[in-house]
């Protein structure tokens, strides 16, 4: 069992109360059974998350929609698990979905994990989305500085010259200055 699945399993064991259904979903190799969990009525969230995670990590695209919903969940641990499974899934729709979630101003409080996923994906949608999110976060008094910091770090890691202008602007933000300087230095390399 890899570390990501182990972490998910420990968290969901508590949510499920260690039920036989939990144990079954943890060990089954039957993808049809896992896919069925995603469409059956009245399945608890922990069961849907386990099934989507396992299917996503196995490369089964039936998990995509469920994983995107979990990527936008208010619980950061669910978002992180979904991001991992989405990166393993390698579905071509993932970058567009992550960009849409990251740039949705109504859900900006939950944008941190989608921003980090965009950096990991290194897709054509990544740099424009990170620039958009960072530009919005530079407004005076914006409370989402952690999202802004993830954008700065991501843009530095991606090394795309299109980010130079917004990174220059980020240098004046006290919580972003050091990371912005480092990102700009990476662009110059």
Protein backbone atom coordinates (compact mmCIF):
# COMPACT_ATOMS: atom_id res chain seq x y z
CA UNK A 1 0.00 0.00 0.00
CA UNK A 2 1.51 3.35 -1.02
CA UNK A 3 1.70 6.31 1.35
CA UNK A 4 -1.19 8.23 -0.25
CA UNK A 5 -3.54 5.24 0.00
CA UNK A 6 -2.38 4.55 3.56
CA UNK A 7 -3.17 8.13 4.59
CA UNK A 8 -6.57 8.00 2.91
CA UNK A 9 -7.33 4.63 4.47
CA UNK A 10 -6.53 5.83 7.98
CA UNK A 11 -8.73 8.90 7.61
CA UNK A 12 -11.65 7.03 6.06
CA UNK A 13 -11.44 4.19 8.57
CA UNK A 14 -12.50 6.69 11.22
CA UNK A 15 -15.31 8.12 9.09
CA UNK A 16 -16.64 4.67 8.27
CA UNK A 17 -16.33 3.28 11.75
CA UNK A 18 -14.19 0.48 10.31
CA UNK A 19 -17.26 -1.13 8.74
CA UNK A 20 -17.11 -4.28 6.60
CA UNK A 21 -18.04 -2.12 3.59
CA UNK A 22 -14.95 0.02 4.26
CA UNK A 23 -12.71 -3.05 4.48
CA UNK A 24 -14.17 -4.38 1.23
CA UNK A 25 -13.60 -1.13 -0.68
CA UNK A 26 -10.05 -0.93 0.62
CA UNK A 27 -9.00 -4.33 -0.71
CA UNK A 28 -11.20 -5.11 -3.71
CA UNK A 29 -9.55 -5.27 -7.11
CA UNK A 30 -12.95 -5.28 -8.85
CA UNK A 31 -13.16 -1.98 -10.75
CA UNK A 32 -16.81 -2.57 -11.59
CA UNK A 33 -17.60 -2.78 -7.90
CA UNK A 34 -15.69 0.44 -7.25
CA UNK A 35 -17.39 2.21 -10.17
CA UNK A 36 -20.76 1.07 -8.87
CA UNK A 37 -20.11 2.88 -5.60
CA UNK A 38 -19.84 6.15 -7.53
CA UNK A 39 -23.30 5.81 -9.03
CA UNK A 40 -25.30 4.00 -6.35
CA UNK A 41 -27.75 6.02 -4.29
CA UNK A 42 -27.24 6.74 -0.62
CA UNK A 43 -23.57 5.82 -0.51
CA UNK A 44 -21.70 7.81 2.15
CA UNK A 45 -19.04 10.31 1.12
CA UNK A 46 -16.22 8.19 2.56
CA UNK A 47 -17.24 5.27 0.30
CA UNK A 48 -17.41 7.46 -2.80
CA UNK A 49 -14.04 8.98 -1.97
CA UNK A 50 -12.40 5.58 -1.49
CA UNK A 51 -13.84 4.27 -4.75
CA UNK A 52 -12.90 7.38 -6.74
CA UNK A 53 -9.38 7.45 -5.32
CA UNK A 54 -8.74 3.78 -6.05
CA UNK A 55 -10.17 4.02 -9.57
CA UNK A 56 -8.26 7.22 -10.31
CA UNK A 57 -4.96 5.75 -9.16
CA UNK A 58 -5.68 2.72 -11.34
CA UNK A 59 -6.17 4.96 -14.39
CA UNK A 60 -9.92 4.36 -14.68
CA UNK A 61 -11.52 7.51 -16.10
CA UNK A 62 -14.90 6.73 -14.56
CA UNK A 63 -13.49 8.37 -11.43
CA UNK A 64 -12.89 11.75 -13.07
CA UNK A 65 -16.11 13.58 -12.17
CA UNK A 66 -16.08 12.37 -8.57
CA UNK A 67 -12.44 13.34 -8.14
CA UNK A 68 -13.06 16.84 -9.51
CA UNK A 69 -15.90 17.29 -7.03
CA UNK A 70 -13.60 16.14 -4.22
CA UNK A 71 -10.85 18.49 -5.45
CA UNK A 72 -13.24 21.35 -4.69
CA UNK A 73 -14.32 20.06 -1.27
CA UNK A 74 -14.09 22.22 1.84
CA UNK A 75 -12.00 19.53 3.59
CA UNK A 76 -8.35 20.02 2.58
CA UNK A 77 -7.49 16.35 3.12
CA UNK A 78 -10.14 15.31 0.61
CA UNK A 79 -8.76 17.86 -1.87
CA UNK A 80 -5.20 16.57 -1.48
CA UNK A 81 -6.25 12.95 -1.97
CA UNK A 82 -8.31 13.90 -5.04
CA UNK A 83 -5.39 15.86 -6.51
CA UNK A 84 -3.10 12.88 -6.09
CA UNK A 85 -5.60 10.54 -7.77
CA UNK A 86 -6.21 13.04 -10.59
CA UNK A 87 -2.49 13.32 -11.28
CA UNK A 88 -2.26 9.52 -11.40
CA UNK A 89 -5.35 9.30 -13.61
CA UNK A 90 -3.75 11.53 -16.27
CA UNK A 91 -7.12 12.37 -17.83
CA UNK A 92 -6.75 15.13 -20.46
CA UNK A 93 -9.71 16.96 -18.89
CA UNK A 94 -7.90 17.44 -15.58
CA UNK A 95 -5.94 20.64 -16.38
CA UNK A 96 -9.05 22.45 -17.61
CA UNK A 97 -11.04 21.34 -14.54
CA UNK A 98 -8.24 22.35 -12.15
CA UNK A 99 -7.93 25.74 -13.89
CA UNK A 100 -11.68 26.32 -13.61
CA UNK A 101 -11.64 25.51 -9.90
CA UNK A 102 -8.54 27.61 -9.21
CA UNK A 103 -9.91 30.67 -10.98
CA UNK A 104 -13.43 30.51 -9.53
CA UNK A 105 -13.62 33.58 -7.29
CA UNK A 106 -16.64 32.18 -5.46
CA UNK A 107 -14.52 29.24 -4.28
CA UNK A 108 -11.15 30.97 -3.84
CA UNK A 109 -10.91 29.76 -0.24
CA UNK A 110 -10.61 26.24 -1.66
CA UNK A 111 -8.23 27.05 -4.52
CA UNK A 112 -4.94 26.09 -2.87
CA UNK A 113 -4.94 22.44 -3.91
CA UNK A 114 -6.12 23.09 -7.48
CA UNK A 115 -3.33 25.68 -7.81
CA UNK A 116 -0.75 23.15 -6.65
CA UNK A 117 -2.21 20.52 -8.98
CA UNK A 118 -1.86 22.91 -11.93
CA UNK A 119 1.82 23.29 -11.11
CA UNK A 120 2.28 19.53 -10.92
CA UNK A 121 0.45 18.96 -14.22
CA UNK A 122 2.59 21.45 -16.18
CA UNK A 123 -0.22 21.70 -18.73
CA UNK A 124 -0.87 24.53 -21.21
CA UNK A 125 -3.66 25.76 -18.90
CA UNK A 126 -1.35 25.99 -15.88
CA UNK A 127 0.50 29.27 -16.42
CA UNK A 128 -2.49 31.37 -17.58
CA UNK A 129 -4.61 30.13 -14.68
CA UNK A 130 -1.88 30.76 -12.09
CA UNK A 131 -1.28 34.26 -13.47
CA UNK A 132 -5.00 35.02 -13.26
CA UNK A 133 -5.31 33.76 -9.70
CA UNK A 134 -2.16 35.56 -8.53
CA UNK A 135 -3.19 38.85 -10.13
CA UNK A 136 -6.48 38.73 -8.21
CA UNK A 137 -4.76 37.86 -4.95
CA UNK A 138 -2.51 40.93 -5.15
CA UNK A 139 -5.42 43.25 -4.39
CA UNK A 140 -4.91 45.17 -1.12
CA UNK A 141 -6.36 43.34 1.86
CA UNK A 142 -6.94 40.06 0.04
CA UNK A 143 -7.00 37.36 2.75
CA UNK A 144 -5.96 34.45 0.53
CA UNK A 145 -2.21 34.98 0.66
CA UNK A 146 -1.50 31.23 0.89
CA UNK A 147 -3.18 30.76 -2.49
CA UNK A 148 -1.08 33.65 -3.83
CA UNK A 149 2.09 32.10 -2.43
CA UNK A 150 1.27 28.77 -4.10
CA UNK A 151 0.80 30.66 -7.39
CA UNK A 152 4.15 32.43 -7.03
CA UNK A 153 5.93 29.18 -6.23
CA UNK A 154 4.14 27.39 -9.04
CA UNK A 155 4.98 30.06 -11.59
CA UNK A 156 8.62 29.90 -10.51
CA UNK A 157 8.62 26.12 -10.89
CA UNK A 158 7.01 26.33 -14.33
CA UNK A 159 9.57 28.92 -15.48
CA UNK A 160 7.38 30.58 -18.10
CA UNK A 161 8.33 34.13 -19.12
CA UNK A 162 4.66 35.13 -19.33
CA UNK A 163 4.66 35.23 -15.53
CA UNK A 164 7.35 37.90 -15.21
CA UNK A 165 4.98 40.87 -14.94
CA UNK A 166 2.75 39.45 -12.23
CA UNK A 167 5.78 38.14 -10.32
CA UNK A 168 7.28 41.64 -10.43
CA UNK A 169 4.06 42.92 -8.86
CA UNK A 170 4.17 40.19 -6.21
CA UNK A 171 7.62 41.38 -5.03
CA UNK A 172 5.96 44.31 -3.26
CA UNK A 173 3.65 42.07 -1.22
CA UNK A 174 5.27 41.39 2.19
CA UNK A 175 4.22 37.73 2.39
CA UNK A 176 5.16 37.01 -1.22
CA UNK A 177 8.33 39.02 -1.74
CA UNK A 178 10.92 36.33 -1.04
CA UNK A 179 9.13 33.72 -3.13
CA UNK A 180 8.57 36.24 -5.95
CA UNK A 181 12.26 37.14 -6.02
CA UNK A 182 13.14 33.43 -6.15
CA UNK A 183 10.61 32.79 -8.91
CA UNK A 184 11.96 35.70 -10.97
CA UNK A 185 15.48 34.35 -10.53
CA UNK A 186 14.31 30.99 -11.88
CA UNK A 187 12.83 32.74 -14.92
CA UNK A 188 16.20 34.40 -15.57
CA UNK A 189 18.05 31.07 -15.57
